[in-house]
């Protein structure tokens, strides 16, 4: 019985969804902190905190994607080669 060997690359892979969710959650937390740190006399009648949450969550989401892409590039460059045998 002949065994087929093949060269494969072994590497880690970043999962994008946790990075995106973490970035968005950190953005929401930052927005709440910034929104609540605005002095009472400088606040407007409109609920600015909702705008801050939307913008900061979006920015955090994008930053999470960028971090995941950077890690993905690092993991690809550190991939190891190995011989695998098909059974």
PDB file of N, CA and C in Angstrom:
ATOM      1  N   UNK A   1       0.859  -1.175   0.000  1.00  0.00           N
ATOM      2  CA  UNK A   1       0.000   0.000   0.000  1.00  0.00           C
ATOM      3  C   UNK A   1       0.903   1.235   0.000  1.00  0.00           C
ATOM      4  N   UNK A   2       0.745   2.060  -0.989  1.00  0.00           N
ATOM      5  CA  UNK A   2       1.573   3.262  -1.121  1.00  0.00           C
ATOM      6  C   UNK A   2       0.984   4.393  -0.293  1.00  0.00           C
ATOM      7  N   UNK A   3       1.872   5.065   0.412  1.00  0.00           N
ATOM      8  CA  UNK A   3       1.415   6.200   1.213  1.00  0.00           C
ATOM      9  C   UNK A   3       1.770   7.483   0.492  1.00  0.00           C
ATOM     10  N   UNK A   4       0.843   8.385   0.445  1.00  0.00           N
ATOM     11  CA  UNK A   4       1.082   9.684  -0.174  1.00  0.00           C
ATOM     12  C   UNK A   4       1.511  10.676   0.889  1.00  0.00           C
ATOM     13  N   UNK A   5       2.669  11.267   0.692  1.00  0.00           N
ATOM     14  CA  UNK A   5       3.094  12.321   1.613  1.00  0.00           C
ATOM     15  C   UNK A   5       2.947  13.654   0.904  1.00  0.00           C
ATOM     16  N   UNK A   6       2.645  14.626   1.698  1.00  0.00           N
ATOM     17  CA  UNK A   6       2.400  15.962   1.163  1.00  0.00           C
ATOM     18  C   UNK A   6       2.957  16.977   2.150  1.00  0.00           C
ATOM     19  N   UNK A   7       3.523  18.044   1.621  1.00  0.00           N
ATOM     20  CA  UNK A   7       4.029  19.101   2.496  1.00  0.00           C
ATOM     21  C   UNK A   7       2.880  20.043   2.849  1.00  0.00           C
ATOM     22  N   UNK A   8       2.703  20.289   4.142  1.00  0.00           N
ATOM     23  CA  UNK A   8       1.626  21.166   4.611  1.00  0.00           C
ATOM     24  C   UNK A   8       2.218  22.275   5.469  1.00  0.00           C
ATOM     25  N   UNK A   9       1.466  23.353   5.601  1.00  0.00           N
ATOM     26  CA  UNK A   9       1.876  24.464   6.458  1.00  0.00           C
ATOM     27  C   UNK A   9       1.020  24.459   7.707  1.00  0.00           C
ATOM     28  N   UNK A  10       1.667  24.568   8.860  1.00  0.00           N
ATOM     29  CA  UNK A  10       0.960  24.588  10.133  1.00  0.00           C
ATOM     30  C   UNK A  10       1.099  25.991  10.702  1.00  0.00           C
ATOM     31  N   UNK A  11      -0.024  26.616  10.993  1.00  0.00           N
ATOM     32  CA  UNK A  11       0.015  27.967  11.543  1.00  0.00           C
ATOM     33  C   UNK A  11      -1.209  28.206  12.406  1.00  0.00           C
ATOM     34  N   UNK A  12      -1.097  29.241  13.225  1.00  0.00           N
ATOM     35  CA  UNK A  12      -2.247  29.672  14.016  1.00  0.00           C
ATOM     36  C   UNK A  12      -3.050  30.645  13.168  1.00  0.00           C
ATOM     37  N   UNK A  13      -4.288  30.782  13.496  1.00  0.00           N
ATOM     38  CA  UNK A  13      -5.145  31.702  12.764  1.00  0.00           C
ATOM     39  C   UNK A  13      -5.944  32.543  13.750  1.00  0.00           C
ATOM     40  N   UNK A  14      -5.957  33.851  13.517  1.00  0.00           N
ATOM     41  CA  UNK A  14      -6.723  34.752  14.380  1.00  0.00           C
ATOM     42  C   UNK A  14      -8.204  34.638  14.025  1.00  0.00           C
ATOM     43  N   UNK A  15      -9.042  34.556  15.032  1.00  0.00           N
ATOM     44  CA  UNK A  15     -10.485  34.537  14.801  1.00  0.00           C
ATOM     45  C   UNK A  15     -10.969  35.984  14.801  1.00  0.00           C
ATOM     46  N   UNK A  16     -11.585  36.392  13.716  1.00  0.00           N
ATOM     47  CA  UNK A  16     -11.935  37.788  13.534  1.00  0.00           C
ATOM     48  C   UNK A  16     -13.104  38.241  14.409  1.00  0.00           C
ATOM     49  N   UNK A  17     -14.102  37.403  14.599  1.00  0.00           N
ATOM     50  CA  UNK A  17     -15.292  37.803  15.337  1.00  0.00           C
ATOM     51  C   UNK A  17     -14.995  38.252  16.767  1.00  0.00           C
ATOM     52  N   UNK A  18     -14.186  37.521  17.537  1.00  0.00           N
ATOM     53  CA  UNK A  18     -13.886  38.008  18.898  1.00  0.00           C
ATOM     54  C   UNK A  18     -13.174  39.359  18.901  1.00  0.00           C
ATOM     55  N   UNK A  19     -12.294  39.587  17.929  1.00  0.00           N
ATOM     56  CA  UNK A  19     -11.611  40.875  17.852  1.00  0.00           C
ATOM     57  C   UNK A  19     -12.598  41.996  17.535  1.00  0.00           C
ATOM     58  N   UNK A  20     -13.534  41.734  16.618  1.00  0.00           N
ATOM     59  CA  UNK A  20     -14.519  42.757  16.256  1.00  0.00           C
ATOM     60  C   UNK A  20     -15.437  43.071  17.431  1.00  0.00           C
ATOM     61  N   UNK A  21     -15.900  42.039  18.112  1.00  0.00           N
ATOM     62  CA  UNK A  21     -16.808  42.248  19.253  1.00  0.00           C
ATOM     63  C   UNK A  21     -16.087  42.966  20.386  1.00  0.00           C
ATOM     64  N   UNK A  22     -14.850  42.552  20.668  1.00  0.00           N
ATOM     65  CA  UNK A  22     -14.082  43.205  21.733  1.00  0.00           C
ATOM     66  C   UNK A  22     -13.838  44.670  21.408  1.00  0.00           C
ATOM     67  N   UNK A  23     -13.484  44.968  20.167  1.00  0.00           N
ATOM     68  CA  UNK A  23     -13.271  46.358  19.759  1.00  0.00           C
ATOM     69  C   UNK A  23     -14.529  47.190  19.911  1.00  0.00           C
ATOM     70  N   UNK A  24     -15.667  46.635  19.510  1.00  0.00           N
ATOM     71  CA  UNK A  24     -16.928  47.364  19.622  1.00  0.00           C
ATOM     72  C   UNK A  24     -17.312  47.592  21.086  1.00  0.00           C
ATOM     73  N   UNK A  25     -17.122  46.585  21.931  1.00  0.00           N
ATOM     74  CA  UNK A  25     -17.464  46.726  23.353  1.00  0.00           C
ATOM     75  C   UNK A  25     -16.558  47.766  24.016  1.00  0.00           C
ATOM     76  N   UNK A  26     -15.260  47.716  23.702  1.00  0.00           N
ATOM     77  CA  UNK A  26     -14.355  48.726  24.256  1.00  0.00           C
ATOM     78  C   UNK A  26     -14.711  50.122  23.756  1.00  0.00           C
ATOM     79  N   UNK A  27     -15.181  50.218  22.506  1.00  0.00           N
ATOM     80  CA  UNK A  27     -15.633  51.500  21.978  1.00  0.00           C
ATOM     81  C   UNK A  27     -16.854  52.026  22.717  1.00  0.00           C
ATOM     82  N   UNK A  28     -17.785  51.141  23.042  1.00  0.00           N
ATOM     83  CA  UNK A  28     -18.981  51.541  23.797  1.00  0.00           C
ATOM     84  C   UNK A  28     -18.590  52.010  25.197  1.00  0.00           C
ATOM     85  N   UNK A  29     -17.677  51.287  25.832  1.00  0.00           N
ATOM     86  CA  UNK A  29     -17.224  51.689  27.170  1.00  0.00           C
ATOM     87  C   UNK A  29     -16.541  53.052  27.116  1.00  0.00           C
ATOM     88  N   UNK A  30     -15.695  53.253  26.116  1.00  0.00           N
ATOM     89  CA  UNK A  30     -15.024  54.547  25.967  1.00  0.00           C
ATOM     90  C   UNK A  30     -16.032  55.666  25.711  1.00  0.00           C
ATOM     91  N   UNK A  31     -17.071  55.391  24.920  1.00  0.00           N
ATOM     92  CA  UNK A  31     -18.088  56.397  24.627  1.00  0.00           C
ATOM     93  C   UNK A  31     -18.859  56.788  25.884  1.00  0.00           C
ATOM     94  N   UNK A  32     -19.181  55.806  26.708  1.00  0.00           N
ATOM     95  CA  UNK A  32     -19.904  56.105  27.949  1.00  0.00           C
ATOM     96  C   UNK A  32     -19.030  56.944  28.879  1.00  0.00           C
ATOM     97  N   UNK A  33     -17.746  56.597  28.966  1.00  0.00           N
ATOM     98  CA  UNK A  33     -16.837  57.364  29.813  1.00  0.00           C
ATOM     99  C   UNK A  33     -16.713  58.797  29.301  1.00  0.00           C
ATOM    100  N   UNK A  34     -16.536  58.949  28.004  1.00  0.00           N
ATOM    101  CA  UNK A  34     -16.413  60.298  27.424  1.00  0.00           C
ATOM    102  C   UNK A  34     -17.722  61.061  27.585  1.00  0.00           C
ATOM    103  N   UNK A  35     -18.837  60.395  27.337  1.00  0.00           N
ATOM    104  CA  UNK A  35     -20.137  61.058  27.453  1.00  0.00           C
ATOM    105  C   UNK A  35     -20.438  61.528  28.864  1.00  0.00           C
ATOM    106  N   UNK A  36     -20.072  60.725  29.841  1.00  0.00           N
ATOM    107  CA  UNK A  36     -20.338  61.103  31.224  1.00  0.00           C
ATOM    108  C   UNK A  36     -19.317  62.094  31.778  1.00  0.00           C
ATOM    109  N   UNK A  37     -18.176  62.228  31.098  1.00  0.00           N
ATOM    110  CA  UNK A  37     -17.162  63.177  31.570  1.00  0.00           C
ATOM    111  C   UNK A  37     -17.419  64.601  31.072  1.00  0.00           C
ATOM    112  N   UNK A  38     -18.390  64.779  30.185  1.00  0.00           N
ATOM    113  CA  UNK A  38     -18.743  66.125  29.723  1.00  0.00           C
ATOM    114  C   UNK A  38     -19.448  66.853  30.870  1.00  0.00           C
ATOM    115  N   UNK A  39     -18.980  68.040  31.224  1.00  0.00           N
ATOM    116  CA  UNK A  39     -19.624  68.774  32.320  1.00  0.00           C
ATOM    117  C   UNK A  39     -21.097  69.066  32.015  1.00  0.00           C
ATOM    118  N   UNK A  40     -21.892  69.116  33.065  1.00  0.00           N
ATOM    119  CA  UNK A  40     -23.347  69.303  32.929  1.00  0.00           C
ATOM    120  C   UNK A  40     -23.686  70.582  32.182  1.00  0.00           C
ATOM    121  N   UNK A  41     -22.964  71.652  32.436  1.00  0.00           N
ATOM    122  CA  UNK A  41     -23.285  72.935  31.802  1.00  0.00           C
ATOM    123  C   UNK A  41     -22.916  72.967  30.316  1.00  0.00           C
ATOM    124  N   UNK A  42     -22.087  72.048  29.858  1.00  0.00           N
ATOM    125  CA  UNK A  42     -21.703  72.021  28.447  1.00  0.00           C
ATOM    126  C   UNK A  42     -22.514  71.011  27.640  1.00  0.00           C
ATOM    127  N   UNK A  43     -23.380  70.265  28.279  1.00  0.00           N
ATOM    128  CA  UNK A  43     -24.194  69.278  27.573  1.00  0.00           C
ATOM    129  C   UNK A  43     -25.317  69.967  26.826  1.00  0.00           C
ATOM    130  N   UNK A  44     -25.714  69.371  25.712  1.00  0.00           N
ATOM    131  CA  UNK A  44     -26.832  69.892  24.941  1.00  0.00           C
ATOM    132  C   UNK A  44     -28.109  69.152  25.335  1.00  0.00           C
ATOM    133  N   UNK A  45     -29.225  69.615  24.804  1.00  0.00           N
ATOM    134  CA  UNK A  45     -30.500  68.973  25.109  1.00  0.00           C
ATOM    135  C   UNK A  45     -30.618  67.627  24.390  1.00  0.00           C
ATOM    136  N   UNK A  46     -29.867  67.450  23.309  1.00  0.00           N
ATOM    137  CA  UNK A  46     -29.912  66.206  22.562  1.00  0.00           C
ATOM    138  C   UNK A  46     -29.055  65.148  23.257  1.00  0.00           C
ATOM    139  N   UNK A  47     -29.454  63.912  23.152  1.00  0.00           N
ATOM    140  CA  UNK A  47     -28.674  62.840  23.794  1.00  0.00           C
ATOM    141  C   UNK A  47     -27.400  62.525  22.999  1.00  0.00           C
ATOM    142  N   UNK A  48     -26.354  63.229  23.274  1.00  0.00           N
ATOM    143  CA  UNK A  48     -25.092  63.068  22.540  1.00  0.00           C
ATOM    144  C   UNK A  48     -24.429  61.720  22.809  1.00  0.00           C
ATOM    145  N   UNK A  49     -24.745  61.115  23.940  1.00  0.00           N
ATOM    146  CA  UNK A  49     -24.093  59.845  24.286  1.00  0.00           C
ATOM    147  C   UNK A  49     -24.442  58.747  23.288  1.00  0.00           C
ATOM    148  N   UNK A  50     -25.632  58.783  22.710  1.00  0.00           N
ATOM    149  CA  UNK A  50     -25.989  57.770  21.718  1.00  0.00           C
ATOM    150  C   UNK A  50     -25.156  57.927  20.452  1.00  0.00           C
ATOM    151  N   UNK A  51     -24.880  59.161  20.060  1.00  0.00           N
ATOM    152  CA  UNK A  51     -24.005  59.394  18.910  1.00  0.00           C
ATOM    153  C   UNK A  51     -22.588  58.936  19.218  1.00  0.00           C
ATOM    154  N   UNK A  52     -22.129  59.229  20.424  1.00  0.00           N
ATOM    155  CA  UNK A  52     -20.789  58.800  20.819  1.00  0.00           C
ATOM    156  C   UNK A  52     -20.680  57.281  20.812  1.00  0.00           C
ATOM    157  N   UNK A  53     -21.706  56.613  21.317  1.00  0.00           N
ATOM    158  CA  UNK A  53     -21.687  55.145  21.335  1.00  0.00           C
ATOM    159  C   UNK A  53     -21.631  54.601  19.913  1.00  0.00           C
ATOM    160  N   UNK A  54     -22.420  55.155  19.017  1.00  0.00           N
ATOM    161  CA  UNK A  54     -22.427  54.676  17.631  1.00  0.00           C
ATOM    162  C   UNK A  54     -21.062  54.875  16.970  1.00  0.00           C
ATOM    163  N   UNK A  55     -20.488  56.061  17.114  1.00  0.00           N
ATOM    164  CA  UNK A  55     -19.199  56.347  16.485  1.00  0.00           C
ATOM    165  C   UNK A  55     -18.065  55.554  17.127  1.00  0.00           C
ATOM    166  N   UNK A  56     -18.000  55.537  18.428  1.00  0.00           N
ATOM    167  CA  UNK A  56     -16.911  54.848  19.113  1.00  0.00           C
ATOM    168  C   UNK A  56     -16.994  53.336  18.906  1.00  0.00           C
ATOM    169  N   UNK A  57     -18.203  52.786  18.896  1.00  0.00           N
ATOM    170  CA  UNK A  57     -18.346  51.344  18.644  1.00  0.00           C
ATOM    171  C   UNK A  57     -17.878  51.008  17.233  1.00  0.00           C
ATOM    172  N   UNK A  58     -18.220  51.850  16.279  1.00  0.00           N
ATOM    173  CA  UNK A  58     -17.758  51.635  14.902  1.00  0.00           C
ATOM    174  C   UNK A  58     -16.252  51.722  14.781  1.00  0.00           C
ATOM    175  N   UNK A  59     -15.674  52.705  15.436  1.00  0.00           N
ATOM    176  CA  UNK A  59     -14.222  52.862  15.408  1.00  0.00           C
ATOM    177  C   UNK A  59     -13.549  51.676  16.097  1.00  0.00           C
ATOM    178  N   UNK A  60     -14.078  51.244  17.236  1.00  0.00           N
ATOM    179  CA  UNK A  60     -13.533  50.079  17.925  1.00  0.00           C
ATOM    180  C   UNK A  60     -13.642  48.811  17.097  1.00  0.00           C
ATOM    181  N   UNK A  61     -14.740  48.665  16.372  1.00  0.00           N
ATOM    182  CA  UNK A  61     -14.955  47.529  15.483  1.00  0.00           C
ATOM    183  C   UNK A  61     -13.871  47.487  14.409  1.00  0.00           C
ATOM    184  N   UNK A  62     -13.615  48.634  13.794  1.00  0.00           N
ATOM    185  CA  UNK A  62     -12.598  48.713  12.742  1.00  0.00           C
ATOM    186  C   UNK A  62     -11.204  48.453  13.314  1.00  0.00           C
ATOM    187  N   UNK A  63     -10.918  48.998  14.478  1.00  0.00           N
ATOM    188  CA  UNK A  63      -9.614  48.763  15.111  1.00  0.00           C
ATOM    189  C   UNK A  63      -9.446  47.272  15.425  1.00  0.00           C
ATOM    190  N   UNK A  64     -10.518  46.615  15.853  1.00  0.00           N
ATOM    191  CA  UNK A  64     -10.465  45.176  16.097  1.00  0.00           C
ATOM    192  C   UNK A  64     -10.138  44.391  14.836  1.00  0.00           C
ATOM    193  N   UNK A  65     -10.716  44.784  13.708  1.00  0.00           N
ATOM    194  CA  UNK A  65     -10.412  44.128  12.432  1.00  0.00           C
ATOM    195  C   UNK A  65      -8.952  44.340  12.054  1.00  0.00           C
ATOM    196  N   UNK A  66      -8.467  45.567  12.223  1.00  0.00           N
ATOM    197  CA  UNK A  66      -7.074  45.875  11.876  1.00  0.00           C
ATOM    198  C   UNK A  66      -6.117  45.050  12.735  1.00  0.00           C
ATOM    199  N   UNK A  67      -6.386  44.943  14.026  1.00  0.00           N
ATOM    200  CA  UNK A  67      -5.531  44.144  14.909  1.00  0.00           C
ATOM    201  C   UNK A  67      -5.558  42.676  14.484  1.00  0.00           C
ATOM    202  N   UNK A  68      -6.729  42.156  14.152  1.00  0.00           N
ATOM    203  CA  UNK A  68      -6.828  40.760  13.708  1.00  0.00           C
ATOM    204  C   UNK A  68      -6.062  40.544  12.402  1.00  0.00           C
ATOM    205  N   UNK A  69      -6.121  41.502  11.486  1.00  0.00           N
ATOM    206  CA  UNK A  69      -5.382  41.371  10.227  1.00  0.00           C
ATOM    207  C   UNK A  69      -3.875  41.407  10.457  1.00  0.00           C
ATOM    208  N   UNK A  70      -3.429  42.270  11.358  1.00  0.00           N
ATOM    209  CA  UNK A  70      -2.000  42.334  11.675  1.00  0.00           C
ATOM    210  C   UNK A  70      -1.539  41.011  12.285  1.00  0.00           C
ATOM    211  N   UNK A  71      -2.307  40.475  13.224  1.00  0.00           N
ATOM    212  CA  UNK A  71      -1.950  39.185  13.824  1.00  0.00           C
ATOM    213  C   UNK A  71      -1.969  38.068  12.786  1.00  0.00           C
ATOM    214  N   UNK A  72      -2.903  38.122  11.867  1.00  0.00           N
ATOM    215  CA  UNK A  72      -2.980  37.111  10.812  1.00  0.00           C
ATOM    216  C   UNK A  72      -1.719  37.136   9.958  1.00  0.00           C
ATOM    217  N   UNK A  73      -1.238  38.321   9.621  1.00  0.00           N
ATOM    218  CA  UNK A  73       0.005  38.448   8.848  1.00  0.00           C
ATOM    219  C   UNK A  73       1.191  37.885   9.620  1.00  0.00           C
ATOM    220  N   UNK A  74       1.244  38.171  10.913  1.00  0.00           N
ATOM    221  CA  UNK A  74       2.336  37.653  11.742  1.00  0.00           C
ATOM    222  C   UNK A  74       2.292  36.133  11.792  1.00  0.00           C
ATOM    223  N   UNK A  75       1.095  35.566  11.950  1.00  0.00           N
ATOM    224  CA  UNK A  75       0.962  34.114  12.029  1.00  0.00           C
ATOM    225  C   UNK A  75       1.306  33.449  10.705  1.00  0.00           C
ATOM    226  N   UNK A  76       0.979  34.070   9.580  1.00  0.00           N
ATOM    227  CA  UNK A  76       1.312  33.503   8.273  1.00  0.00           C
ATOM    228  C   UNK A  76       2.825  33.473   8.096  1.00  0.00           C
ATOM    229  N   UNK A  77       3.497  34.547   8.540  1.00  0.00           N
ATOM    230  CA  UNK A  77       4.946  34.583   8.375  1.00  0.00           C
ATOM    231  C   UNK A  77       5.655  33.575   9.288  1.00  0.00           C
ATOM    232  N   UNK A  78       5.039  33.178  10.376  1.00  0.00           N
ATOM    233  CA  UNK A  78       5.634  32.213  11.308  1.00  0.00           C
ATOM    234  C   UNK A  78       5.171  30.781  11.060  1.00  0.00           C
ATOM    235  N   UNK A  79       4.502  30.548   9.945  1.00  0.00           N
ATOM    236  CA  UNK A  79       3.987  29.203   9.657  1.00  0.00           C
ATOM    237  C   UNK A  79       5.149  28.228   9.493  1.00  0.00           C
ATOM    238  N   UNK A  80       4.943  27.025   9.954  1.00  0.00           N
ATOM    239  CA  UNK A  80       5.956  25.989   9.852  1.00  0.00           C
ATOM    240  C   UNK A  80       5.516  24.969   8.798  1.00  0.00           C
ATOM    241  N   UNK A  81       6.482  24.371   8.153  1.00  0.00           N
ATOM    242  CA  UNK A  81       6.195  23.347   7.155  1.00  0.00           C
ATOM    243  C   UNK A  81       6.439  21.971   7.763  1.00  0.00           C
ATOM    244  N   UNK A  82       5.594  21.023   7.366  1.00  0.00           N
ATOM    245  CA  UNK A  82       5.724  19.661   7.877  1.00  0.00           C
ATOM    246  C   UNK A  82       5.280  18.691   6.787  1.00  0.00           C
ATOM    247  N   UNK A  83       5.714  17.466   6.921  1.00  0.00           N
ATOM    248  CA  UNK A  83       5.299  16.406   6.006  1.00  0.00           C
ATOM    249  C   UNK A  83       4.097  15.692   6.609  1.00  0.00           C
ATOM    250  N   UNK A  84       3.058  15.552   5.822  1.00  0.00           N
ATOM    251  CA  UNK A  84       1.855  14.850   6.260  1.00  0.00           C
ATOM    252  C   UNK A  84       1.622  13.638   5.357  1.00  0.00           C
ATOM    253  N   UNK A  85       1.161  12.576   5.959  1.00  0.00           N
ATOM    254  CA  UNK A  85       0.897  11.351   5.206  1.00  0.00           C
ATOM    255  C   UNK A  85      -0.601  11.116   5.150  1.00  0.00           C
ATOM    256  N   UNK A  86      -1.097  10.948   3.936  1.00  0.00           N
ATOM    257  CA  UNK A  86      -2.516  10.620   3.760  1.00  0.00           C
ATOM    258  C   UNK A  86      -2.710   9.150   4.079  1.00  0.00           C
ATOM    259  N   UNK A  87      -3.705   8.866   4.873  1.00  0.00           N
ATOM    260  CA  UNK A  87      -3.991   7.462   5.218  1.00  0.00           C
ATOM    261  C   UNK A  87      -5.123   6.923   4.392  1.00  0.00           C
TER     262      UNK A  87
END
